[in-house]
Amino acid sequence: MNPANKLTLARIMLIPVFIVFFAEYPVRLADSNAFIQFLNQYGTYMAVGVFVLASATDKLDGYIARKYHLVTNLGKLLDPLADKLLVSVALIMMVEAGMIPAWMAFVMIGREFIITALRMAASAQGIALAADRYGKWKMVSQVVAITAVLLNNYPFQWLTSLRVDSFLMVIAVMMTVMSGYHYVVKNVKLFI
C-alpha cells in the first residue's frame, strides 16, 4: 500500500478517535473515572484537533498521489469515502449535541447520497466521474464551518456579537446544495 493510501486509511481510523473525544459521557462515569471526566471537560477541543488533522490529510494524500504518480483505484474509492464518513459523523454528533439543526445535517449528508448514487450509476456504465472544483470548495466550507461550530464560535466571540459559526454553517449548506446541483446537472446528461 502506497503512502497516499495509508494517509487516507489514517483519516478513516481517526474517525473513531474523534467520536471518543467528542462524545458526552454520563456524569456517573465521570465521577468514577478521571479519564472520562477529562474527556467531558476537554474532549471537544481534542475532537477539533483530530477533525482538523484528519481534514488536512485529505489535501495531503491527494498531493502525494498526484506528485509521485501513486493514484490507485483503491485511493479513488477510499478518499471520497473517508471525506464523507468524517463529515457525516461530525454532523450527526453535532446534531445530537444540539449544536446544529438536524435539517442542515440532512441536506449535507443527503447530497452525498445523491452524488454517490450518481457515481455508482456511472461506474456501472464504465464511466468514472471525477470530483470538480465545486465539490472541493464544498468540502473546504464544510470543514471550516464544522470546526467553527465545534469551537463554539471561538475566537469570533471576541470580535463580534454575531454567531460567525452559524453563518459559516449556512454558507456550507449553500455550497453543498450548489455543488450538488452543479454536479448533477453536469453529469445527468450521461444517462439521458
N, C-alpha and C. Protein backbone atom coordinates (compact mmCIF):
# COMPACT_ATOMS: atom_id res chain seq x y z
N MET A 1 0.86 -1.18 0.00
CA MET A 1 0.00 0.00 0.00
C MET A 1 0.89 1.24 0.00
N ASN A 2 0.55 2.18 -0.86
CA ASN A 2 1.41 3.35 -1.01
C ASN A 2 1.12 4.39 0.09
N PRO A 3 2.01 5.37 0.26
CA PRO A 3 1.86 6.37 1.33
C PRO A 3 0.56 7.18 1.25
N ALA A 4 0.10 7.50 0.04
CA ALA A 4 -1.13 8.28 -0.09
C ALA A 4 -2.33 7.48 0.44
N ASN A 5 -2.39 6.21 0.10
CA ASN A 5 -3.49 5.37 0.59
C ASN A 5 -3.40 5.14 2.10
N LYS A 6 -2.18 5.08 2.62
CA LYS A 6 -2.01 4.95 4.07
C LYS A 6 -2.55 6.18 4.79
N LEU A 7 -2.31 7.36 4.21
CA LEU A 7 -2.85 8.59 4.81
C LEU A 7 -4.39 8.58 4.79
N THR A 8 -4.95 8.11 3.69
CA THR A 8 -6.41 8.03 3.59
C THR A 8 -6.95 7.08 4.65
N LEU A 9 -6.31 5.92 4.81
CA LEU A 9 -6.73 4.98 5.85
C LEU A 9 -6.56 5.57 7.24
N ALA A 10 -5.51 6.34 7.44
CA ALA A 10 -5.32 7.00 8.73
C ALA A 10 -6.47 7.96 9.01
N ARG A 11 -6.94 8.66 7.97
CA ARG A 11 -8.08 9.57 8.14
C ARG A 11 -9.31 8.79 8.58
N ILE A 12 -9.53 7.64 7.99
CA ILE A 12 -10.67 6.81 8.38
C ILE A 12 -10.51 6.32 9.81
N MET A 13 -9.28 5.95 10.18
CA MET A 13 -9.04 5.46 11.54
C MET A 13 -9.14 6.55 12.59
N LEU A 14 -9.01 7.80 12.18
CA LEU A 14 -9.16 8.91 13.13
C LEU A 14 -10.63 9.18 13.47
N ILE A 15 -11.55 8.66 12.68
CA ILE A 15 -12.98 8.91 12.94
C ILE A 15 -13.41 8.35 14.30
N PRO A 16 -13.08 7.09 14.65
CA PRO A 16 -13.45 6.62 16.00
C PRO A 16 -12.79 7.43 17.12
N VAL A 17 -11.58 7.92 16.87
CA VAL A 17 -10.90 8.76 17.86
C VAL A 17 -11.69 10.05 18.05
N PHE A 18 -12.14 10.65 16.95
CA PHE A 18 -12.98 11.84 17.01
C PHE A 18 -14.24 11.56 17.84
N ILE A 19 -14.87 10.42 17.59
CA ILE A 19 -16.11 10.05 18.31
C ILE A 19 -15.85 9.95 19.81
N VAL A 20 -14.77 9.26 20.18
CA VAL A 20 -14.45 9.09 21.60
C VAL A 20 -14.22 10.45 22.27
N PHE A 21 -13.50 11.32 21.60
CA PHE A 21 -13.22 12.64 22.18
C PHE A 21 -14.46 13.53 22.24
N PHE A 22 -15.30 13.46 21.23
CA PHE A 22 -16.44 14.38 21.14
C PHE A 22 -17.63 13.93 22.00
N ALA A 23 -17.75 12.65 22.24
CA ALA A 23 -18.91 12.12 22.97
C ALA A 23 -19.02 12.73 24.37
N GLU A 24 -20.25 12.91 24.81
CA GLU A 24 -20.53 13.37 26.17
C GLU A 24 -20.85 12.13 27.00
N TYR A 25 -20.10 11.92 28.05
CA TYR A 25 -20.26 10.72 28.86
C TYR A 25 -21.11 11.02 30.09
N PRO A 26 -21.86 10.01 30.57
CA PRO A 26 -22.71 10.23 31.76
C PRO A 26 -21.89 10.65 32.97
N VAL A 27 -22.50 11.48 33.80
CA VAL A 27 -21.83 12.01 34.98
C VAL A 27 -21.37 10.87 35.90
N ARG A 28 -22.19 9.83 36.02
CA ARG A 28 -21.82 8.72 36.92
C ARG A 28 -20.51 8.06 36.49
N LEU A 29 -20.24 8.04 35.17
CA LEU A 29 -18.97 7.51 34.69
C LEU A 29 -17.83 8.48 34.98
N ALA A 30 -18.11 9.76 34.77
CA ALA A 30 -17.09 10.78 35.01
C ALA A 30 -16.70 10.84 36.47
N ASP A 31 -17.67 10.63 37.35
CA ASP A 31 -17.39 10.67 38.79
C ASP A 31 -16.45 9.56 39.22
N SER A 32 -16.49 8.44 38.50
CA SER A 32 -15.69 7.29 38.91
C SER A 32 -14.44 7.09 38.05
N ASN A 33 -14.25 7.94 37.03
CA ASN A 33 -13.12 7.73 36.13
C ASN A 33 -12.55 9.09 35.73
N ALA A 34 -11.30 9.32 36.09
CA ALA A 34 -10.67 10.61 35.83
C ALA A 34 -10.51 10.87 34.33
N PHE A 35 -10.26 9.81 33.55
CA PHE A 35 -10.10 9.99 32.11
C PHE A 35 -11.42 10.45 31.48
N ILE A 36 -12.53 9.84 31.88
CA ILE A 36 -13.85 10.23 31.36
C ILE A 36 -14.16 11.66 31.79
N GLN A 37 -13.82 12.00 33.01
CA GLN A 37 -14.03 13.37 33.49
C GLN A 37 -13.21 14.35 32.63
N PHE A 38 -11.97 13.97 32.33
CA PHE A 38 -11.12 14.79 31.47
C PHE A 38 -11.75 14.96 30.08
N LEU A 39 -12.26 13.85 29.52
CA LEU A 39 -12.90 13.91 28.20
C LEU A 39 -14.14 14.80 28.22
N ASN A 40 -14.93 14.71 29.28
CA ASN A 40 -16.12 15.56 29.38
C ASN A 40 -15.74 17.04 29.43
N GLN A 41 -14.61 17.33 30.03
CA GLN A 41 -14.18 18.72 30.18
C GLN A 41 -13.45 19.25 28.94
N TYR A 42 -12.58 18.44 28.35
CA TYR A 42 -11.70 18.92 27.27
C TYR A 42 -11.85 18.14 25.95
N GLY A 43 -12.69 17.15 25.93
CA GLY A 43 -12.80 16.28 24.77
C GLY A 43 -13.17 16.99 23.48
N THR A 44 -14.04 17.99 23.57
CA THR A 44 -14.45 18.69 22.35
C THR A 44 -13.25 19.37 21.69
N TYR A 45 -12.37 19.96 22.49
CA TYR A 45 -11.18 20.60 21.93
C TYR A 45 -10.25 19.57 21.28
N MET A 46 -10.14 18.41 21.91
CA MET A 46 -9.33 17.34 21.34
C MET A 46 -9.98 16.83 20.06
N ALA A 47 -11.31 16.76 20.05
CA ALA A 47 -12.03 16.33 18.85
C ALA A 47 -11.79 17.30 17.70
N VAL A 48 -11.75 18.60 18.01
CA VAL A 48 -11.47 19.60 16.97
C VAL A 48 -10.09 19.35 16.38
N GLY A 49 -9.12 19.10 17.23
CA GLY A 49 -7.76 18.81 16.74
C GLY A 49 -7.73 17.59 15.83
N VAL A 50 -8.42 16.54 16.23
CA VAL A 50 -8.48 15.33 15.41
C VAL A 50 -9.20 15.61 14.10
N PHE A 51 -10.29 16.37 14.15
CA PHE A 51 -11.05 16.68 12.95
C PHE A 51 -10.20 17.50 11.97
N VAL A 52 -9.50 18.50 12.47
CA VAL A 52 -8.66 19.34 11.61
C VAL A 52 -7.51 18.52 11.04
N LEU A 53 -6.89 17.69 11.87
CA LEU A 53 -5.79 16.84 11.40
C LEU A 53 -6.29 15.88 10.31
N ALA A 54 -7.42 15.24 10.56
CA ALA A 54 -7.97 14.31 9.57
C ALA A 54 -8.33 15.04 8.28
N SER A 55 -8.91 16.22 8.41
CA SER A 55 -9.27 17.00 7.22
C SER A 55 -8.03 17.42 6.43
N ALA A 56 -6.97 17.75 7.13
CA ALA A 56 -5.73 18.17 6.45
C ALA A 56 -5.12 17.01 5.66
N THR A 57 -5.30 15.78 6.12
CA THR A 57 -4.74 14.65 5.37
C THR A 57 -5.44 14.49 4.03
N ASP A 58 -6.65 15.04 3.88
CA ASP A 58 -7.36 14.94 2.61
C ASP A 58 -6.56 15.64 1.51
N LYS A 59 -6.09 16.82 1.78
CA LYS A 59 -5.29 17.56 0.80
C LYS A 59 -3.94 16.89 0.59
N LEU A 60 -3.35 16.42 1.68
CA LEU A 60 -2.01 15.85 1.61
C LEU A 60 -1.97 14.54 0.83
N ASP A 61 -2.95 13.65 1.07
CA ASP A 61 -2.91 12.36 0.36
C ASP A 61 -3.09 12.54 -1.14
N GLY A 62 -3.95 13.48 -1.53
CA GLY A 62 -4.13 13.75 -2.96
C GLY A 62 -2.87 14.33 -3.59
N TYR A 63 -2.23 15.23 -2.86
CA TYR A 63 -0.99 15.84 -3.35
C TYR A 63 0.09 14.76 -3.56
N ILE A 64 0.25 13.89 -2.58
CA ILE A 64 1.26 12.84 -2.67
C ILE A 64 0.94 11.89 -3.83
N ALA A 65 -0.33 11.51 -3.95
CA ALA A 65 -0.71 10.57 -5.01
C ALA A 65 -0.43 11.16 -6.39
N ARG A 66 -0.74 12.43 -6.58
CA ARG A 66 -0.52 13.05 -7.90
C ARG A 66 0.96 13.33 -8.16
N LYS A 67 1.65 13.86 -7.17
CA LYS A 67 3.05 14.24 -7.37
C LYS A 67 3.94 13.03 -7.67
N TYR A 68 3.69 11.93 -6.97
CA TYR A 68 4.55 10.75 -7.12
C TYR A 68 3.90 9.66 -7.97
N HIS A 69 2.85 10.02 -8.68
CA HIS A 69 2.15 9.09 -9.58
C HIS A 69 1.72 7.82 -8.84
N LEU A 70 1.08 8.03 -7.70
CA LEU A 70 0.62 6.93 -6.86
C LEU A 70 -0.91 6.82 -6.84
N VAL A 71 -1.56 7.38 -7.85
CA VAL A 71 -3.02 7.31 -7.92
C VAL A 71 -3.43 5.86 -8.20
N THR A 72 -4.29 5.33 -7.34
CA THR A 72 -4.75 3.94 -7.49
C THR A 72 -6.27 3.90 -7.42
N ASN A 73 -6.82 2.79 -7.88
CA ASN A 73 -8.27 2.60 -7.78
C ASN A 73 -8.71 2.57 -6.33
N LEU A 74 -7.89 1.96 -5.47
CA LEU A 74 -8.21 1.93 -4.04
C LEU A 74 -8.28 3.36 -3.49
N GLY A 75 -7.33 4.18 -3.85
CA GLY A 75 -7.32 5.57 -3.40
C GLY A 75 -8.53 6.34 -3.92
N LYS A 76 -8.89 6.09 -5.18
CA LYS A 76 -10.06 6.75 -5.77
C LYS A 76 -11.34 6.37 -5.04
N LEU A 77 -11.38 5.16 -4.50
CA LEU A 77 -12.54 4.70 -3.73
C LEU A 77 -12.50 5.23 -2.30
N LEU A 78 -11.36 5.08 -1.64
CA LEU A 78 -11.27 5.40 -0.22
C LEU A 78 -11.28 6.89 0.09
N ASP A 79 -10.66 7.72 -0.78
CA ASP A 79 -10.54 9.14 -0.48
C ASP A 79 -11.91 9.82 -0.32
N PRO A 80 -12.82 9.70 -1.29
CA PRO A 80 -14.12 10.34 -1.09
C PRO A 80 -14.93 9.69 0.03
N LEU A 81 -14.73 8.38 0.22
CA LEU A 81 -15.43 7.69 1.31
C LEU A 81 -14.97 8.24 2.66
N ALA A 82 -13.68 8.43 2.82
CA ALA A 82 -13.14 8.97 4.07
C ALA A 82 -13.70 10.36 4.35
N ASP A 83 -13.77 11.19 3.31
CA ASP A 83 -14.34 12.54 3.47
C ASP A 83 -15.79 12.48 3.93
N LYS A 84 -16.57 11.65 3.26
CA LYS A 84 -18.00 11.54 3.58
C LYS A 84 -18.20 11.02 5.00
N LEU A 85 -17.42 10.02 5.39
CA LEU A 85 -17.55 9.46 6.74
C LEU A 85 -17.19 10.50 7.80
N LEU A 86 -16.08 11.17 7.60
CA LEU A 86 -15.61 12.16 8.59
C LEU A 86 -16.64 13.27 8.77
N VAL A 87 -17.09 13.86 7.68
CA VAL A 87 -18.04 14.96 7.76
C VAL A 87 -19.39 14.47 8.29
N SER A 88 -19.86 13.32 7.82
CA SER A 88 -21.16 12.80 8.27
C SER A 88 -21.17 12.51 9.76
N VAL A 89 -20.11 11.88 10.26
CA VAL A 89 -20.03 11.58 11.69
C VAL A 89 -20.03 12.88 12.50
N ALA A 90 -19.24 13.85 12.06
CA ALA A 90 -19.20 15.14 12.78
C ALA A 90 -20.57 15.79 12.79
N LEU A 91 -21.25 15.81 11.65
CA LEU A 91 -22.57 16.45 11.57
C LEU A 91 -23.58 15.74 12.46
N ILE A 92 -23.61 14.42 12.41
CA ILE A 92 -24.57 13.66 13.22
C ILE A 92 -24.32 13.90 14.71
N MET A 93 -23.07 13.90 15.11
CA MET A 93 -22.76 14.12 16.52
C MET A 93 -23.08 15.55 16.95
N MET A 94 -22.91 16.51 16.03
CA MET A 94 -23.24 17.90 16.35
C MET A 94 -24.75 18.08 16.49
N VAL A 95 -25.52 17.36 15.69
CA VAL A 95 -26.99 17.39 15.86
C VAL A 95 -27.35 16.81 17.22
N GLU A 96 -26.75 15.68 17.57
CA GLU A 96 -27.03 15.03 18.85
C GLU A 96 -26.68 15.95 20.02
N ALA A 97 -25.62 16.72 19.86
CA ALA A 97 -25.19 17.64 20.93
C ALA A 97 -25.98 18.95 20.92
N GLY A 98 -26.88 19.12 19.95
CA GLY A 98 -27.68 20.34 19.88
C GLY A 98 -26.91 21.53 19.33
N MET A 99 -25.84 21.29 18.62
CA MET A 99 -25.01 22.38 18.09
C MET A 99 -25.51 22.91 16.75
N ILE A 100 -26.15 22.06 15.97
CA ILE A 100 -26.72 22.48 14.68
C ILE A 100 -28.09 21.84 14.53
N PRO A 101 -28.96 22.46 13.73
CA PRO A 101 -30.26 21.84 13.48
C PRO A 101 -30.12 20.61 12.58
N ALA A 102 -30.99 19.65 12.78
CA ALA A 102 -30.93 18.39 12.03
C ALA A 102 -31.05 18.60 10.52
N TRP A 103 -31.83 19.61 10.09
CA TRP A 103 -32.03 19.80 8.66
C TRP A 103 -30.72 20.11 7.94
N MET A 104 -29.79 20.78 8.63
CA MET A 104 -28.51 21.09 8.00
C MET A 104 -27.73 19.80 7.72
N ALA A 105 -27.69 18.94 8.72
CA ALA A 105 -27.01 17.66 8.53
C ALA A 105 -27.71 16.83 7.45
N PHE A 106 -29.04 16.86 7.44
CA PHE A 106 -29.81 16.11 6.45
C PHE A 106 -29.46 16.58 5.04
N VAL A 107 -29.41 17.87 4.82
CA VAL A 107 -29.09 18.42 3.50
C VAL A 107 -27.68 18.00 3.08
N MET A 108 -26.72 18.15 3.98
CA MET A 108 -25.33 17.86 3.62
C MET A 108 -25.10 16.36 3.40
N ILE A 109 -25.66 15.54 4.26
CA ILE A 109 -25.48 14.10 4.10
C ILE A 109 -26.32 13.60 2.92
N GLY A 110 -27.51 14.17 2.74
CA GLY A 110 -28.35 13.79 1.61
C GLY A 110 -27.67 14.05 0.28
N ARG A 111 -26.98 15.17 0.17
CA ARG A 111 -26.24 15.48 -1.06
C ARG A 111 -25.22 14.40 -1.35
N GLU A 112 -24.56 13.92 -0.31
CA GLU A 112 -23.54 12.88 -0.51
C GLU A 112 -24.16 11.59 -1.03
N PHE A 113 -25.35 11.25 -0.53
CA PHE A 113 -26.03 10.05 -1.03
C PHE A 113 -26.39 10.20 -2.51
N ILE A 114 -26.87 11.37 -2.88
CA ILE A 114 -27.25 11.61 -4.28
C ILE A 114 -26.04 11.52 -5.20
N ILE A 115 -24.96 12.17 -4.81
CA ILE A 115 -23.75 12.16 -5.64
C ILE A 115 -23.17 10.75 -5.71
N THR A 116 -23.18 10.04 -4.60
CA THR A 116 -22.67 8.67 -4.59
C THR A 116 -23.50 7.79 -5.49
N ALA A 117 -24.82 7.94 -5.46
CA ALA A 117 -25.69 7.16 -6.35
C ALA A 117 -25.40 7.46 -7.81
N LEU A 118 -25.19 8.72 -8.13
CA LEU A 118 -24.86 9.12 -9.49
C LEU A 118 -23.52 8.51 -9.92
N ARG A 119 -22.55 8.53 -9.03
CA ARG A 119 -21.24 7.94 -9.35
C ARG A 119 -21.34 6.43 -9.53
N MET A 120 -22.15 5.79 -8.72
CA MET A 120 -22.32 4.33 -8.84
C MET A 120 -23.00 3.98 -10.16
N ALA A 121 -24.00 4.76 -10.55
CA ALA A 121 -24.67 4.52 -11.82
C ALA A 121 -23.70 4.72 -12.99
N ALA A 122 -22.88 5.74 -12.90
CA ALA A 122 -21.90 5.99 -13.95
C ALA A 122 -20.87 4.86 -13.99
N SER A 123 -20.44 4.42 -12.82
CA SER A 123 -19.46 3.35 -12.74
C SER A 123 -19.99 2.07 -13.36
N ALA A 124 -21.26 1.80 -13.17
CA ALA A 124 -21.88 0.60 -13.75
C ALA A 124 -21.84 0.65 -15.28
N GLN A 125 -21.76 1.85 -15.83
CA GLN A 125 -21.66 2.02 -17.28
C GLN A 125 -20.22 2.22 -17.73
N GLY A 126 -19.28 2.02 -16.80
CA GLY A 126 -17.87 2.15 -17.13
C GLY A 126 -17.38 3.58 -17.20
N ILE A 127 -18.12 4.50 -16.60
CA ILE A 127 -17.75 5.92 -16.60
C ILE A 127 -17.29 6.31 -15.21
N ALA A 128 -16.13 6.95 -15.13
CA ALA A 128 -15.64 7.45 -13.84
C ALA A 128 -15.92 8.95 -13.76
N LEU A 129 -16.68 9.35 -12.76
CA LEU A 129 -16.99 10.76 -12.57
C LEU A 129 -16.04 11.36 -11.54
N ALA A 130 -15.25 12.29 -11.98
CA ALA A 130 -14.27 12.93 -11.08
C ALA A 130 -14.94 14.04 -10.28
N ALA A 131 -14.34 14.32 -9.15
CA ALA A 131 -14.80 15.46 -8.35
C ALA A 131 -14.45 16.73 -9.11
N ASP A 132 -15.26 17.76 -8.91
CA ASP A 132 -14.98 19.03 -9.57
C ASP A 132 -14.61 20.07 -8.52
N ARG A 133 -14.29 21.28 -8.99
CA ARG A 133 -13.84 22.32 -8.06
C ARG A 133 -14.94 22.72 -7.08
N TYR A 134 -16.20 22.64 -7.49
CA TYR A 134 -17.30 22.99 -6.59
C TYR A 134 -17.36 22.01 -5.40
N GLY A 135 -17.10 20.75 -5.69
CA GLY A 135 -17.06 19.75 -4.62
C GLY A 135 -15.92 20.01 -3.65
N LYS A 136 -14.80 20.46 -4.18
CA LYS A 136 -13.65 20.78 -3.32
C LYS A 136 -13.96 22.01 -2.45
N TRP A 137 -14.59 23.01 -3.06
CA TRP A 137 -14.98 24.20 -2.29
C TRP A 137 -16.00 23.84 -1.22
N LYS A 138 -16.90 22.95 -1.58
CA LYS A 138 -17.91 22.47 -0.62
C LYS A 138 -17.23 21.83 0.58
N MET A 139 -16.25 20.98 0.30
CA MET A 139 -15.54 20.29 1.39
C MET A 139 -14.83 21.30 2.29
N VAL A 140 -14.16 22.27 1.70
CA VAL A 140 -13.46 23.29 2.49
C VAL A 140 -14.47 24.07 3.35
N SER A 141 -15.59 24.46 2.76
CA SER A 141 -16.59 25.23 3.52
C SER A 141 -17.15 24.39 4.66
N GLN A 142 -17.34 23.09 4.43
CA GLN A 142 -17.84 22.22 5.49
C GLN A 142 -16.84 22.08 6.63
N VAL A 143 -15.58 21.88 6.28
CA VAL A 143 -14.54 21.72 7.31
C VAL A 143 -14.42 23.00 8.14
N VAL A 144 -14.41 24.15 7.48
CA VAL A 144 -14.31 25.42 8.20
C VAL A 144 -15.52 25.62 9.11
N ALA A 145 -16.71 25.36 8.58
CA ALA A 145 -17.94 25.56 9.36
C ALA A 145 -18.02 24.59 10.54
N ILE A 146 -17.72 23.33 10.30
CA ILE A 146 -17.77 22.34 11.38
C ILE A 146 -16.77 22.71 12.47
N THR A 147 -15.57 23.10 12.06
CA THR A 147 -14.55 23.50 13.04
C THR A 147 -15.03 24.69 13.87
N ALA A 148 -15.60 25.69 13.21
CA ALA A 148 -16.09 26.88 13.92
C ALA A 148 -17.20 26.52 14.90
N VAL A 149 -18.11 25.64 14.50
CA VAL A 149 -19.21 25.24 15.39
C VAL A 149 -18.66 24.43 16.56
N LEU A 150 -17.74 23.52 16.29
CA LEU A 150 -17.16 22.73 17.38
C LEU A 150 -16.43 23.61 18.39
N LEU A 151 -15.85 24.70 17.91
CA LEU A 151 -15.16 25.64 18.80
C LEU A 151 -16.11 26.63 19.45
N ASN A 152 -17.41 26.48 19.19
CA ASN A 152 -18.44 27.32 19.81
C ASN A 152 -18.19 28.81 19.55
N ASN A 153 -17.92 29.11 18.27
CA ASN A 153 -17.74 30.49 17.80
C ASN A 153 -16.43 31.13 18.26
N TYR A 154 -15.52 30.33 18.80
CA TYR A 154 -14.20 30.84 19.19
C TYR A 154 -13.35 30.99 17.94
N PRO A 155 -12.60 31.98 17.74
CA PRO A 155 -12.34 33.18 18.52
C PRO A 155 -13.25 34.35 18.13
N PHE A 156 -14.25 34.07 17.30
CA PHE A 156 -15.09 35.14 16.77
C PHE A 156 -15.87 35.89 17.85
N GLN A 157 -16.15 35.23 18.98
CA GLN A 157 -16.93 35.90 20.03
C GLN A 157 -16.22 37.13 20.57
N TRP A 158 -14.90 37.21 20.41
CA TRP A 158 -14.17 38.38 20.87
C TRP A 158 -14.20 39.51 19.84
N LEU A 159 -14.56 39.18 18.61
CA LEU A 159 -14.56 40.17 17.53
C LEU A 159 -15.93 40.76 17.26
N THR A 160 -16.97 39.96 17.49
CA THR A 160 -18.33 40.40 17.16
C THR A 160 -19.34 39.63 18.00
N SER A 161 -20.51 40.21 18.14
CA SER A 161 -21.57 39.52 18.87
C SER A 161 -22.34 38.56 17.94
N LEU A 162 -22.04 38.61 16.65
CA LEU A 162 -22.70 37.72 15.69
C LEU A 162 -22.17 36.30 15.83
N ARG A 163 -23.04 35.34 15.53
CA ARG A 163 -22.64 33.93 15.55
C ARG A 163 -22.00 33.60 14.20
N VAL A 164 -20.72 33.83 14.09
CA VAL A 164 -20.00 33.58 12.84
C VAL A 164 -20.03 32.09 12.51
N ASP A 165 -19.98 31.23 13.53
CA ASP A 165 -20.04 29.79 13.27
C ASP A 165 -21.35 29.40 12.59
N SER A 166 -22.46 29.99 13.01
CA SER A 166 -23.75 29.70 12.38
C SER A 166 -23.78 30.21 10.95
N PHE A 167 -23.23 31.39 10.74
CA PHE A 167 -23.15 31.96 9.39
C PHE A 167 -22.32 31.05 8.49
N LEU A 168 -21.18 30.57 8.99
CA LEU A 168 -20.33 29.67 8.21
C LEU A 168 -21.06 28.36 7.90
N MET A 169 -21.88 27.89 8.84
CA MET A 169 -22.62 26.66 8.60
C MET A 169 -23.67 26.87 7.50
N VAL A 170 -24.31 28.02 7.50
CA VAL A 170 -25.28 28.33 6.44
C VAL A 170 -24.56 28.38 5.09
N ILE A 171 -23.38 28.98 5.06
CA ILE A 171 -22.59 29.03 3.81
C ILE A 171 -22.25 27.61 3.36
N ALA A 172 -21.88 26.75 4.32
CA ALA A 172 -21.54 25.36 3.97
C ALA A 172 -22.76 24.64 3.39
N VAL A 173 -23.93 24.87 3.95
CA VAL A 173 -25.15 24.25 3.41
C VAL A 173 -25.40 24.77 1.99
N MET A 174 -25.26 26.07 1.79
CA MET A 174 -25.47 26.64 0.45
C MET A 174 -24.45 26.09 -0.55
N MET A 175 -23.19 25.97 -0.14
CA MET A 175 -22.16 25.40 -1.02
C MET A 175 -22.46 23.93 -1.33
N THR A 176 -22.99 23.23 -0.33
CA THR A 176 -23.35 21.83 -0.52
C THR A 176 -24.44 21.69 -1.57
N VAL A 177 -25.48 22.50 -1.44
CA VAL A 177 -26.59 22.45 -2.40
C VAL A 177 -26.10 22.88 -3.78
N MET A 178 -25.35 23.97 -3.86
CA MET A 178 -24.87 24.45 -5.14
C MET A 178 -23.96 23.43 -5.84
N SER A 179 -23.03 22.85 -5.09
CA SER A 179 -22.11 21.89 -5.70
C SER A 179 -22.86 20.63 -6.13
N GLY A 180 -23.84 20.21 -5.34
CA GLY A 180 -24.63 19.04 -5.71
C GLY A 180 -25.44 19.29 -6.97
N TYR A 181 -26.07 20.44 -7.03
CA TYR A 181 -26.85 20.81 -8.21
C TYR A 181 -25.95 20.85 -9.45
N HIS A 182 -24.81 21.51 -9.32
CA HIS A 182 -23.87 21.62 -10.44
C HIS A 182 -23.42 20.24 -10.90
N TYR A 183 -23.09 19.37 -9.97
CA TYR A 183 -22.59 18.03 -10.29
C TYR A 183 -23.66 17.21 -11.01
N VAL A 184 -24.89 17.29 -10.52
CA VAL A 184 -25.99 16.53 -11.14
C VAL A 184 -26.26 17.06 -12.55
N VAL A 185 -26.39 18.38 -12.69
CA VAL A 185 -26.69 18.97 -14.00
C VAL A 185 -25.58 18.64 -15.00
N LYS A 186 -24.33 18.71 -14.55
CA LYS A 186 -23.20 18.45 -15.42
C LYS A 186 -23.14 16.99 -15.88
N ASN A 187 -23.55 16.06 -15.01
CA ASN A 187 -23.35 14.64 -15.29
C ASN A 187 -24.61 13.86 -15.66
N VAL A 188 -25.79 14.42 -15.41
CA VAL A 188 -27.00 13.66 -15.68
C VAL A 188 -27.17 13.37 -17.17
N LYS A 189 -26.59 14.21 -18.02
CA LYS A 189 -26.70 14.01 -19.47
C LYS A 189 -26.07 12.68 -19.90
N LEU A 190 -25.21 12.13 -19.09
CA LEU A 190 -24.60 10.85 -19.41
C LEU A 190 -25.62 9.70 -19.37
N PHE A 191 -26.73 9.94 -18.71
CA PHE A 191 -27.73 8.89 -18.52
C PHE A 191 -28.99 9.10 -19.36
N ILE A 192 -29.03 10.22 -20.06
CA ILE A 192 -30.25 10.53 -20.83
C ILE A 192 -30.04 10.20 -22.30
